[in-house]
């Protein structure tokens, strides 16, 4: 449990408090028979802060981004999984040629 996870929990708590504040404000407006035109500015600032914290945590908690290039050394299979029942080598991909010599005109 690192700092990113704690920041994510804090962001969720802030968003929850902003939602509760908005519900409480709407019920107050119903009691006073006023129209709801939007949440107060304090709630909007709280929503933006909670969103920023949650987005930062979502980007930092999962870990390091990996390369999507197929020739990258990070993508090499070091060992096969223990369950080989789901490994399929005979599939429709073998119908496609290995090299496509299509030229655009």
Protein backbone atom coordinates (compact mmCIF):
# COMPACT_ATOMS: atom_id res chain seq x y z
CA UNK A 1 0.00 0.00 0.00
CA UNK A 2 1.91 2.96 -1.26
CA UNK A 3 1.28 6.66 -1.29
CA UNK A 4 -0.63 6.40 -4.59
CA UNK A 5 -3.18 4.08 -3.04
CA UNK A 6 -3.65 6.44 -0.09
CA UNK A 7 -4.12 9.36 -2.47
CA UNK A 8 -6.72 7.31 -4.37
CA UNK A 9 -8.63 6.54 -1.18
CA UNK A 10 -8.50 10.22 -0.24
CA UNK A 11 -9.83 11.15 -3.69
CA UNK A 12 -12.73 8.72 -3.36
CA UNK A 13 -13.55 10.09 0.09
CA UNK A 14 -13.52 13.65 -1.27
CA UNK A 15 -15.81 12.65 -4.15
CA UNK A 16 -18.15 10.89 -1.71
CA UNK A 17 -18.28 13.98 0.49
CA UNK A 18 -19.03 16.17 -2.53
CA UNK A 19 -21.89 13.86 -3.53
CA UNK A 20 -23.28 13.93 0.01
CA UNK A 21 -22.99 17.73 0.11
CA UNK A 22 -24.87 18.03 -3.18
CA UNK A 23 -27.67 15.76 -1.94
CA UNK A 24 -27.88 17.73 1.29
CA UNK A 25 -27.98 21.03 -0.65
CA UNK A 26 -30.79 19.74 -2.89
CA UNK A 27 -32.83 18.63 0.11
CA UNK A 28 -32.29 22.08 1.64
CA UNK A 29 -33.57 23.67 -1.58
CA UNK A 30 -36.66 21.44 -1.51
CA UNK A 31 -37.44 22.59 2.01
CA UNK A 32 -37.09 26.27 1.05
CA UNK A 33 -38.98 25.76 -2.29
CA UNK A 34 -36.14 27.07 -4.46
CA UNK A 35 -35.01 25.81 -7.86
CA UNK A 36 -31.79 23.78 -8.20
CA UNK A 37 -29.53 25.55 -10.68
CA UNK A 38 -26.32 23.74 -9.78
CA UNK A 39 -24.15 22.81 -6.85
CA UNK A 40 -22.36 25.49 -4.82
CA UNK A 41 -18.86 26.53 -5.88
CA UNK A 42 -17.34 24.79 -2.84
CA UNK A 43 -18.76 21.47 -4.05
CA UNK A 44 -17.50 22.05 -7.60
CA UNK A 45 -13.99 22.74 -6.30
CA UNK A 46 -14.24 19.63 -4.14
CA UNK A 47 -15.30 17.58 -7.19
CA UNK A 48 -12.38 18.84 -9.26
CA UNK A 49 -9.90 18.12 -6.44
CA UNK A 50 -11.30 14.61 -5.95
CA UNK A 51 -11.19 13.94 -9.68
CA UNK A 52 -7.56 15.06 -9.95
CA UNK A 53 -6.54 12.90 -6.98
CA UNK A 54 -8.37 9.84 -8.33
CA UNK A 55 -6.87 10.27 -11.80
CA UNK A 56 -3.37 10.65 -10.37
CA UNK A 57 -3.83 7.51 -8.27
CA UNK A 58 -5.24 5.57 -11.23
CA UNK A 59 -2.14 6.37 -13.26
CA UNK A 60 0.42 5.64 -10.53
CA UNK A 61 -0.99 2.68 -8.59
CA UNK A 62 -1.03 0.03 -11.37
CA UNK A 63 2.71 0.34 -11.90
CA UNK A 64 5.08 0.83 -14.77
CA UNK A 65 3.73 1.13 -18.30
CA UNK A 66 5.01 -1.58 -20.64
CA UNK A 67 5.96 -1.23 -24.27
CA UNK A 68 3.39 -2.29 -26.85
CA UNK A 69 5.94 -2.87 -29.59
CA UNK A 70 6.13 -6.59 -30.46
CA UNK A 71 9.91 -6.60 -30.89
CA UNK A 72 10.50 -5.10 -27.45
CA UNK A 73 12.52 -7.18 -25.00
CA UNK A 74 9.96 -6.50 -22.27
CA UNK A 75 7.30 -8.45 -24.17
CA UNK A 76 9.19 -11.72 -24.50
CA UNK A 77 7.63 -14.80 -22.93
CA UNK A 78 10.04 -16.18 -20.38
CA UNK A 79 8.00 -19.14 -19.21
CA UNK A 80 4.71 -20.71 -20.18
CA UNK A 81 1.89 -20.74 -17.71
CA UNK A 82 1.14 -23.83 -15.65
CA UNK A 83 -2.23 -24.31 -17.29
CA UNK A 84 -1.65 -25.09 -20.97
CA UNK A 85 -5.30 -25.97 -21.65
CA UNK A 86 -6.02 -22.51 -23.01
CA UNK A 87 -2.98 -22.20 -25.29
CA UNK A 88 -4.21 -22.48 -28.89
CA UNK A 89 -1.79 -22.78 -31.78
CA UNK A 90 -4.30 -23.87 -34.44
CA UNK A 91 -6.45 -20.81 -35.22
CA UNK A 92 -7.73 -18.72 -38.13
CA UNK A 93 -4.63 -16.53 -38.14
CA UNK A 94 -2.73 -19.17 -40.12
CA UNK A 95 -4.91 -18.39 -43.17
CA UNK A 96 -3.32 -14.96 -43.53
CA UNK A 97 0.00 -14.69 -45.33
CA UNK A 98 3.03 -13.82 -43.24
CA UNK A 99 4.03 -10.88 -45.41
CA UNK A 100 1.53 -8.68 -47.18
CA UNK A 101 2.78 -7.23 -50.46
CA UNK A 102 -0.09 -4.79 -50.96
CA UNK A 103 0.87 -1.49 -52.51
CA UNK A 104 -1.28 1.61 -52.39
CA UNK A 105 -1.81 3.47 -55.65
